[in-house]
Amino acid sequence: MFPTKQHLTMARTLGVAIVVTLGLAACATYDDDFARINSRLDQLDTRVQGAAQSAESANRSAQQANQRLDQIESRVQQLEAQPRRAPRG
């Protein structure tokens, strides 16, 4: 019995169906992996948000320190500009 064009077409269709079925079945096993990755991404996102808040807080503290330093600097310049007093004794 020689394979006819119809037999070859049927065999090709069956082969493609098997490959597609195996491919989809393999994708279904990735659900746990995707869930684990999404969980890890959520954890990282939380940590990044915490770090951003800490950085913002540190930035505000630095700005306040700079303002205080500017105030002290002007006071130091005033003191340096005053005439020197003669030492006693």
PDB file of N, CA and C in Angstrom:
ATOM      1  N   MET A   1       0.832  -1.161   0.000  1.00  0.00           N
ATOM      2  CA  MET A   1       0.000   0.000   0.000  1.00  0.00           C
ATOM      3  C   MET A   1       0.888   1.238   0.000  1.00  0.00           C
ATOM      4  N   PHE A   2       0.736   2.022  -0.994  1.00  0.00           N
ATOM      5  CA  PHE A   2       1.523   3.232  -1.142  1.00  0.00           C
ATOM      6  C   PHE A   2       0.804   4.397  -0.467  1.00  0.00           C
ATOM      7  N   PRO A   3       1.555   5.280   0.226  1.00  0.00           N
ATOM      8  CA  PRO A   3       0.906   6.430   0.860  1.00  0.00           C
ATOM      9  C   PRO A   3       0.408   7.388  -0.213  1.00  0.00           C
ATOM     10  N   THR A   4      -0.787   7.770  -0.059  1.00  0.00           N
ATOM     11  CA  THR A   4      -1.377   8.711  -1.005  1.00  0.00           C
ATOM     12  C   THR A   4      -1.250  10.119  -0.462  1.00  0.00           C
ATOM     13  N   LYS A   5      -1.634  11.054  -1.288  1.00  0.00           N
ATOM     14  CA  LYS A   5      -1.576  12.454  -0.880  1.00  0.00           C
ATOM     15  C   LYS A   5      -2.482  12.690   0.325  1.00  0.00           C
ATOM     16  N   GLN A   6      -3.609  12.002   0.375  1.00  0.00           N
ATOM     17  CA  GLN A   6      -4.544  12.149   1.482  1.00  0.00           C
ATOM     18  C   GLN A   6      -3.933  11.620   2.786  1.00  0.00           C
ATOM     19  N   HIS A   7      -3.211  10.471   2.682  1.00  0.00           N
ATOM     20  CA  HIS A   7      -2.557   9.913   3.862  1.00  0.00           C
ATOM     21  C   HIS A   7      -1.465  10.856   4.379  1.00  0.00           C
ATOM     22  N   LEU A   8      -0.678  11.429   3.475  1.00  0.00           N
ATOM     23  CA  LEU A   8       0.382  12.353   3.880  1.00  0.00           C
ATOM     24  C   LEU A   8      -0.197  13.606   4.536  1.00  0.00           C
ATOM     25  N   THR A   9      -1.282  14.109   3.998  1.00  0.00           N
ATOM     26  CA  THR A   9      -1.938  15.278   4.576  1.00  0.00           C
ATOM     27  C   THR A   9      -2.460  14.962   5.966  1.00  0.00           C
ATOM     28  N   MET A  10      -3.063  13.807   6.114  1.00  0.00           N
ATOM     29  CA  MET A  10      -3.598  13.396   7.413  1.00  0.00           C
ATOM     30  C   MET A  10      -2.462  13.226   8.414  1.00  0.00           C
ATOM     31  N   ALA A  11      -1.340  12.615   7.997  1.00  0.00           N
ATOM     32  CA  ALA A  11      -0.205  12.411   8.883  1.00  0.00           C
ATOM     33  C   ALA A  11       0.402  13.755   9.288  1.00  0.00           C
ATOM     34  N   ARG A  12       0.513  14.675   8.369  1.00  0.00           N
ATOM     35  CA  ARG A  12       1.052  15.999   8.648  1.00  0.00           C
ATOM     36  C   ARG A  12       0.150  16.743   9.640  1.00  0.00           C
ATOM     37  N   THR A  13      -1.143  16.693   9.428  1.00  0.00           N
ATOM     38  CA  THR A  13      -2.107  17.345  10.316  1.00  0.00           C
ATOM     39  C   THR A  13      -2.039  16.755  11.717  1.00  0.00           C
ATOM     40  N   LEU A  14      -1.953  15.428  11.770  1.00  0.00           N
ATOM     41  CA  LEU A  14      -1.854  14.758  13.066  1.00  0.00           C
ATOM     42  C   LEU A  14      -0.551  15.137  13.778  1.00  0.00           C
ATOM     43  N   GLY A  15       0.541  15.221  13.048  1.00  0.00           N
ATOM     44  CA  GLY A  15       1.830  15.615  13.622  1.00  0.00           C
ATOM     45  C   GLY A  15       1.792  17.035  14.156  1.00  0.00           C
ATOM     46  N   VAL A  16       1.197  17.944  13.409  1.00  0.00           N
ATOM     47  CA  VAL A  16       1.088  19.334  13.865  1.00  0.00           C
ATOM     48  C   VAL A  16       0.217  19.401  15.111  1.00  0.00           C
ATOM     49  N   ALA A  17      -0.874  18.649  15.132  1.00  0.00           N
ATOM     50  CA  ALA A  17      -1.768  18.642  16.295  1.00  0.00           C
ATOM     51  C   ALA A  17      -1.035  18.127  17.531  1.00  0.00           C
ATOM     52  N   ILE A  18      -0.213  17.107  17.367  1.00  0.00           N
ATOM     53  CA  ILE A  18       0.541  16.561  18.504  1.00  0.00           C
ATOM     54  C   ILE A  18       1.548  17.584  19.021  1.00  0.00           C
ATOM     55  N   VAL A  19       2.251  18.241  18.111  1.00  0.00           N
ATOM     56  CA  VAL A  19       3.243  19.243  18.512  1.00  0.00           C
ATOM     57  C   VAL A  19       2.564  20.409  19.232  1.00  0.00           C
ATOM     58  N   VAL A  20       1.428  20.868  18.711  1.00  0.00           N
ATOM     59  CA  VAL A  20       0.707  21.974  19.343  1.00  0.00           C
ATOM     60  C   VAL A  20       0.206  21.563  20.725  1.00  0.00           C
ATOM     61  N   THR A  21      -0.312  20.361  20.841  1.00  0.00           N
ATOM     62  CA  THR A  21      -0.808  19.867  22.131  1.00  0.00           C
ATOM     63  C   THR A  21       0.320  19.801  23.150  1.00  0.00           C
ATOM     64  N   LEU A  22       1.468  19.271  22.746  1.00  0.00           N
ATOM     65  CA  LEU A  22       2.604  19.202  23.656  1.00  0.00           C
ATOM     66  C   LEU A  22       3.098  20.599  24.035  1.00  0.00           C
ATOM     67  N   GLY A  23       3.086  21.497  23.084  1.00  0.00           N
ATOM     68  CA  GLY A  23       3.509  22.870  23.368  1.00  0.00           C
ATOM     69  C   GLY A  23       2.603  23.550  24.371  1.00  0.00           C
ATOM     70  N   LEU A  24       1.303  23.391  24.199  1.00  0.00           N
ATOM     71  CA  LEU A  24       0.363  23.995  25.139  1.00  0.00           C
ATOM     72  C   LEU A  24       0.443  23.340  26.514  1.00  0.00           C
ATOM     73  N   ALA A  25       0.664  22.048  26.549  1.00  0.00           N
ATOM     74  CA  ALA A  25       0.799  21.358  27.828  1.00  0.00           C
ATOM     75  C   ALA A  25       2.056  21.828  28.552  1.00  0.00           C
ATOM     76  N   ALA A  26       3.117  22.096  27.813  1.00  0.00           N
ATOM     77  CA  ALA A  26       4.350  22.590  28.424  1.00  0.00           C
ATOM     78  C   ALA A  26       4.143  23.987  28.997  1.00  0.00           C
ATOM     79  N   CYS A  27       3.362  24.830  28.329  1.00  0.00           N
ATOM     80  CA  CYS A  27       3.084  26.173  28.826  1.00  0.00           C
ATOM     81  C   CYS A  27       2.273  26.131  30.114  1.00  0.00           C
ATOM     82  N   ALA A  28       1.412  25.155  30.252  1.00  0.00           N
ATOM     83  CA  ALA A  28       0.571  25.058  31.441  1.00  0.00           C
ATOM     84  C   ALA A  28       1.409  24.790  32.686  1.00  0.00           C
ATOM     85  N   THR A  29       2.557  24.156  32.520  1.00  0.00           N
ATOM     86  CA  THR A  29       3.395  23.869  33.687  1.00  0.00           C
ATOM     87  C   THR A  29       4.135  25.107  34.164  1.00  0.00           C
ATOM     88  N   TYR A  30       4.113  26.194  33.416  1.00  0.00           N
ATOM     89  CA  TYR A  30       4.803  27.413  33.806  1.00  0.00           C
ATOM     90  C   TYR A  30       3.969  28.286  34.742  1.00  0.00           C
ATOM     91  N   ASP A  31       2.736  27.914  35.021  1.00  0.00           N
ATOM     92  CA  ASP A  31       1.883  28.732  35.880  1.00  0.00           C
ATOM     93  C   ASP A  31       2.509  28.947  37.246  1.00  0.00           C
ATOM     94  N   ASP A  32       3.071  27.903  37.834  1.00  0.00           N
ATOM     95  CA  ASP A  32       3.718  28.044  39.138  1.00  0.00           C
ATOM     96  C   ASP A  32       4.938  28.955  39.050  1.00  0.00           C
ATOM     97  N   ASP A  33       5.681  28.822  37.957  1.00  0.00           N
ATOM     98  CA  ASP A  33       6.852  29.673  37.777  1.00  0.00           C
ATOM     99  C   ASP A  33       6.448  31.136  37.646  1.00  0.00           C
ATOM    100  N   PHE A  34       5.402  31.394  36.866  1.00  0.00           N
ATOM    101  CA  PHE A  34       4.930  32.766  36.697  1.00  0.00           C
ATOM    102  C   PHE A  34       4.414  33.328  38.016  1.00  0.00           C
ATOM    103  N   ALA A  35       3.726  32.518  38.789  1.00  0.00           N
ATOM    104  CA  ALA A  35       3.217  32.969  40.088  1.00  0.00           C
ATOM    105  C   ALA A  35       4.378  33.306  41.019  1.00  0.00           C
ATOM    106  N   ARG A  36       5.415  32.491  41.010  1.00  0.00           N
ATOM    107  CA  ARG A  36       6.585  32.729  41.846  1.00  0.00           C
ATOM    108  C   ARG A  36       7.310  34.008  41.412  1.00  0.00           C
ATOM    109  N   ILE A  37       7.441  34.192  40.110  1.00  0.00           N
ATOM    110  CA  ILE A  37       8.104  35.390  39.587  1.00  0.00           C
ATOM    111  C   ILE A  37       7.291  36.634  39.924  1.00  0.00           C
ATOM    112  N   ASN A  38       5.964  36.567  39.766  1.00  0.00           N
ATOM    113  CA  ASN A  38       5.121  37.710  40.096  1.00  0.00           C
ATOM    114  C   ASN A  38       5.204  38.050  41.574  1.00  0.00           C
ATOM    115  N   SER A  39       5.255  37.034  42.419  1.00  0.00           N
ATOM    116  CA  SER A  39       5.390  37.266  43.852  1.00  0.00           C
ATOM    117  C   SER A  39       6.713  37.958  44.153  1.00  0.00           C
ATOM    118  N   ARG A  40       7.761  37.495  43.524  1.00  0.00           N
ATOM    119  CA  ARG A  40       9.087  38.106  43.725  1.00  0.00           C
ATOM    120  C   ARG A  40       9.095  39.547  43.232  1.00  0.00           C
ATOM    121  N   LEU A  41       8.459  39.806  42.096  1.00  0.00           N
ATOM    122  CA  LEU A  41       8.389  41.174  41.579  1.00  0.00           C
ATOM    123  C   LEU A  41       7.618  42.080  42.529  1.00  0.00           C
ATOM    124  N   ASP A  42       6.548  41.565  43.128  1.00  0.00           N
ATOM    125  CA  ASP A  42       5.784  42.347  44.102  1.00  0.00           C
ATOM    126  C   ASP A  42       6.642  42.685  45.310  1.00  0.00           C
ATOM    127  N   GLN A  43       7.430  41.724  45.780  1.00  0.00           N
ATOM    128  CA  GLN A  43       8.322  41.973  46.912  1.00  0.00           C
ATOM    129  C   GLN A  43       9.361  43.042  46.561  1.00  0.00           C
ATOM    130  N   LEU A  44       9.926  42.918  45.364  1.00  0.00           N
ATOM    131  CA  LEU A  44      10.925  43.901  44.936  1.00  0.00           C
ATOM    132  C   LEU A  44      10.311  45.286  44.795  1.00  0.00           C
ATOM    133  N   ASP A  45       9.091  45.343  44.280  1.00  0.00           N
ATOM    134  CA  ASP A  45       8.399  46.624  44.128  1.00  0.00           C
ATOM    135  C   ASP A  45       8.185  47.272  45.488  1.00  0.00           C
ATOM    136  N   THR A  46       7.802  46.483  46.474  1.00  0.00           N
ATOM    137  CA  THR A  46       7.612  46.997  47.832  1.00  0.00           C
ATOM    138  C   THR A  46       8.921  47.538  48.388  1.00  0.00           C
ATOM    139  N   ARG A  47      10.002  46.803  48.162  1.00  0.00           N
ATOM    140  CA  ARG A  47      11.310  47.253  48.652  1.00  0.00           C
ATOM    141  C   ARG A  47      11.760  48.528  47.948  1.00  0.00           C
ATOM    142  N   VAL A  48      11.501  48.621  46.657  1.00  0.00           N
ATOM    143  CA  VAL A  48      11.884  49.821  45.905  1.00  0.00           C
ATOM    144  C   VAL A  48      11.091  51.028  46.402  1.00  0.00           C
ATOM    145  N   GLN A  49       9.800  50.832  46.658  1.00  0.00           N
ATOM    146  CA  GLN A  49       8.987  51.936  47.175  1.00  0.00           C
ATOM    147  C   GLN A  49       9.485  52.378  48.549  1.00  0.00           C
ATOM    148  N   GLY A  50       9.852  51.425  49.390  1.00  0.00           N
ATOM    149  CA  GLY A  50      10.408  51.758  50.700  1.00  0.00           C
ATOM    150  C   GLY A  50      11.712  52.526  50.573  1.00  0.00           C
ATOM    151  N   ALA A  51      12.560  52.090  49.653  1.00  0.00           N
ATOM    152  CA  ALA A  51      13.836  52.782  49.433  1.00  0.00           C
ATOM    153  C   ALA A  51      13.606  54.193  48.901  1.00  0.00           C
ATOM    154  N   ALA A  52      12.617  54.356  48.039  1.00  0.00           N
ATOM    155  CA  ALA A  52      12.309  55.680  47.504  1.00  0.00           C
ATOM    156  C   ALA A  52      11.822  56.608  48.615  1.00  0.00           C
ATOM    157  N   GLN A  53      11.002  56.079  49.517  1.00  0.00           N
ATOM    158  CA  GLN A  53      10.526  56.888  50.635  1.00  0.00           C
ATOM    159  C   GLN A  53      11.686  57.263  51.560  1.00  0.00           C
ATOM    160  N   SER A  54      12.586  56.317  51.806  1.00  0.00           N
ATOM    161  CA  SER A  54      13.755  56.608  52.637  1.00  0.00           C
ATOM    162  C   SER A  54      14.632  57.669  51.981  1.00  0.00           C
ATOM    163  N   ALA A  55      14.804  57.565  50.677  1.00  0.00           N
ATOM    164  CA  ALA A  55      15.616  58.546  49.956  1.00  0.00           C
ATOM    165  C   ALA A  55      14.972  59.928  50.023  1.00  0.00           C
ATOM    166  N   GLU A  56      13.660  59.982  49.892  1.00  0.00           N
ATOM    167  CA  GLU A  56      12.949  61.260  49.969  1.00  0.00           C
ATOM    168  C   GLU A  56      13.098  61.869  51.364  1.00  0.00           C
ATOM    169  N   SER A  57      12.988  61.046  52.376  1.00  0.00           N
ATOM    170  CA  SER A  57      13.162  61.515  53.751  1.00  0.00           C
ATOM    171  C   SER A  57      14.583  62.031  53.980  1.00  0.00           C
ATOM    172  N   ALA A  58      15.556  61.297  53.477  1.00  0.00           N
ATOM    173  CA  ALA A  58      16.949  61.723  53.607  1.00  0.00           C
ATOM    174  C   ALA A  58      17.184  63.040  52.860  1.00  0.00           C
ATOM    175  N   ASN A  59      16.546  63.199  51.719  1.00  0.00           N
ATOM    176  CA  ASN A  59      16.681  64.429  50.943  1.00  0.00           C
ATOM    177  C   ASN A  59      16.113  65.614  51.720  1.00  0.00           C
ATOM    178  N   ARG A  60      14.941  65.425  52.354  1.00  0.00           N
ATOM    179  CA  ARG A  60      14.354  66.502  53.154  1.00  0.00           C
ATOM    180  C   ARG A  60      15.266  66.863  54.328  1.00  0.00           C
ATOM    181  N   SER A  61      15.818  65.845  54.979  1.00  0.00           N
ATOM    182  CA  SER A  61      16.729  66.104  56.097  1.00  0.00           C
ATOM    183  C   SER A  61      17.973  66.860  55.634  1.00  0.00           C
ATOM    184  N   ALA A  62      18.485  66.494  54.492  1.00  0.00           N
ATOM    185  CA  ALA A  62      19.663  67.173  53.949  1.00  0.00           C
ATOM    186  C   ALA A  62      19.338  68.630  53.609  1.00  0.00           C
ATOM    187  N   GLN A  63      18.161  68.879  53.062  1.00  0.00           N
ATOM    188  CA  GLN A  63      17.774  70.256  52.755  1.00  0.00           C
ATOM    189  C   GLN A  63      17.648  71.088  54.026  1.00  0.00           C
ATOM    190  N   GLN A  64      17.078  70.494  55.073  1.00  0.00           N
ATOM    191  CA  GLN A  64      16.972  71.204  56.346  1.00  0.00           C
ATOM    192  C   GLN A  64      18.353  71.492  56.922  1.00  0.00           C
ATOM    193  N   ALA A  65      19.249  70.525  56.812  1.00  0.00           N
ATOM    194  CA  ALA A  65      20.618  70.720  57.303  1.00  0.00           C
ATOM    195  C   ALA A  65      21.316  71.821  56.512  1.00  0.00           C
ATOM    196  N   ASN A  66      21.092  71.868  55.217  1.00  0.00           N
ATOM    197  CA  ASN A  66      21.697  72.911  54.387  1.00  0.00           C
ATOM    198  C   ASN A  66      21.159  74.290  54.751  1.00  0.00           C
ATOM    199  N   GLN A  67      19.857  74.366  55.040  1.00  0.00           N
ATOM    200  CA  GLN A  67      19.281  75.649  55.447  1.00  0.00           C
ATOM    201  C   GLN A  67      19.900  76.111  56.768  1.00  0.00           C
ATOM    202  N   ARG A  68      20.036  75.185  57.705  1.00  0.00           N
ATOM    203  CA  ARG A  68      20.644  75.517  59.002  1.00  0.00           C
ATOM    204  C   ARG A  68      22.094  75.938  58.815  1.00  0.00           C
ATOM    205  N   LEU A  69      22.808  75.266  57.936  1.00  0.00           N
ATOM    206  CA  LEU A  69      24.191  75.626  57.656  1.00  0.00           C
ATOM    207  C   LEU A  69      24.280  77.026  57.057  1.00  0.00           C
ATOM    208  N   ASP A  70      23.355  77.360  56.164  1.00  0.00           N
ATOM    209  CA  ASP A  70      23.336  78.709  55.589  1.00  0.00           C
ATOM    210  C   ASP A  70      23.111  79.759  56.669  1.00  0.00           C
ATOM    211  N   GLN A  71      22.217  79.473  57.625  1.00  0.00           N
ATOM    212  CA  GLN A  71      21.971  80.409  58.719  1.00  0.00           C
ATOM    213  C   GLN A  71      23.229  80.590  59.570  1.00  0.00           C
ATOM    214  N   ILE A  72      23.883  79.487  59.865  1.00  0.00           N
ATOM    215  CA  ILE A  72      25.103  79.559  60.676  1.00  0.00           C
ATOM    216  C   ILE A  72      26.201  80.294  59.918  1.00  0.00           C
ATOM    217  N   GLU A  73      26.294  80.057  58.619  1.00  0.00           N
ATOM    218  CA  GLU A  73      27.321  80.700  57.795  1.00  0.00           C
ATOM    219  C   GLU A  73      27.171  82.213  57.830  1.00  0.00           C
ATOM    220  N   SER A  74      25.953  82.698  57.712  1.00  0.00           N
ATOM    221  CA  SER A  74      25.757  84.146  57.744  1.00  0.00           C
ATOM    222  C   SER A  74      26.138  84.709  59.113  1.00  0.00           C
ATOM    223  N   ARG A  75      25.836  83.989  60.182  1.00  0.00           N
ATOM    224  CA  ARG A  75      26.207  84.429  61.537  1.00  0.00           C
ATOM    225  C   ARG A  75      27.723  84.444  61.700  1.00  0.00           C
ATOM    226  N   VAL A  76      28.405  83.424  61.173  1.00  0.00           N
ATOM    227  CA  VAL A  76      29.869  83.377  61.252  1.00  0.00           C
ATOM    228  C   VAL A  76      30.480  84.550  60.485  1.00  0.00           C
ATOM    229  N   GLN A  77      29.930  84.878  59.335  1.00  0.00           N
ATOM    230  CA  GLN A  77      30.453  86.006  58.556  1.00  0.00           C
ATOM    231  C   GLN A  77      30.258  87.316  59.301  1.00  0.00           C
ATOM    232  N   GLN A  78      29.123  87.463  59.999  1.00  0.00           N
ATOM    233  CA  GLN A  78      28.900  88.673  60.788  1.00  0.00           C
ATOM    234  C   GLN A  78      29.947  88.778  61.908  1.00  0.00           C
ATOM    235  N   LEU A  79      30.201  87.672  62.567  1.00  0.00           N
ATOM    236  CA  LEU A  79      31.178  87.684  63.652  1.00  0.00           C
ATOM    237  C   LEU A  79      32.585  87.972  63.138  1.00  0.00           C
ATOM    238  N   GLU A  80      32.923  87.444  62.004  1.00  0.00           N
ATOM    239  CA  GLU A  80      34.252  87.689  61.447  1.00  0.00           C
ATOM    240  C   GLU A  80      34.401  89.123  60.971  1.00  0.00           C
ATOM    241  N   ALA A  81      33.314  89.760  60.567  1.00  0.00           N
ATOM    242  CA  ALA A  81      33.361  91.116  60.062  1.00  0.00           C
ATOM    243  C   ALA A  81      33.483  92.141  61.175  1.00  0.00           C
ATOM    244  N   GLN A  82      33.115  91.790  62.396  1.00  0.00           N
ATOM    245  CA  GLN A  82      33.229  92.718  63.516  1.00  0.00           C
ATOM    246  C   GLN A  82      34.688  93.017  63.794  1.00  0.00           C
ATOM    247  N   PRO A  83      34.933  94.245  64.294  1.00  0.00           N
ATOM    248  CA  PRO A  83      36.333  94.568  64.625  1.00  0.00           C
ATOM    249  C   PRO A  83      36.825  93.695  65.760  1.00  0.00           C
ATOM    250  N   ARG A  84      38.081  93.397  65.708  1.00  0.00           N
ATOM    251  CA  ARG A  84      38.698  92.549  66.732  1.00  0.00           C
ATOM    252  C   ARG A  84      38.828  93.339  68.027  1.00  0.00           C
ATOM    253  N   ARG A  85      38.584  92.640  69.102  1.00  0.00           N
ATOM    254  CA  ARG A  85      38.765  93.275  70.400  1.00  0.00           C
ATOM    255  C   ARG A  85      40.206  93.075  70.855  1.00  0.00           C
ATOM    256  N   ALA A  86      40.656  94.038  71.524  1.00  0.00           N
ATOM    257  CA  ALA A  86      42.020  93.949  72.054  1.00  0.00           C
ATOM    258  C   ALA A  86      42.024  92.993  73.245  1.00  0.00           C
ATOM    259  N   PRO A  87      43.012  92.151  73.333  1.00  0.00           N
ATOM    260  CA  PRO A  87      43.068  91.234  74.464  1.00  0.00           C
ATOM    261  C   PRO A  87      43.274  91.988  75.782  1.00  0.00           C
ATOM    262  N   ARG A  88      42.692  91.486  76.826  1.00  0.00           N
ATOM    263  CA  ARG A  88      42.862  92.094  78.144  1.00  0.00           C
ATOM    264  C   ARG A  88      44.199  91.625  78.749  1.00  0.00           C
ATOM    265  N   GLY A  89      44.708  92.450  79.505  1.00  0.00           N
ATOM    266  CA  GLY A  89      45.830  92.018  80.291  1.00  0.00           C
ATOM    267  C   GLY A  89      47.084  92.542  79.907  1.00  0.00           C
TER     268      GLY A  89
END
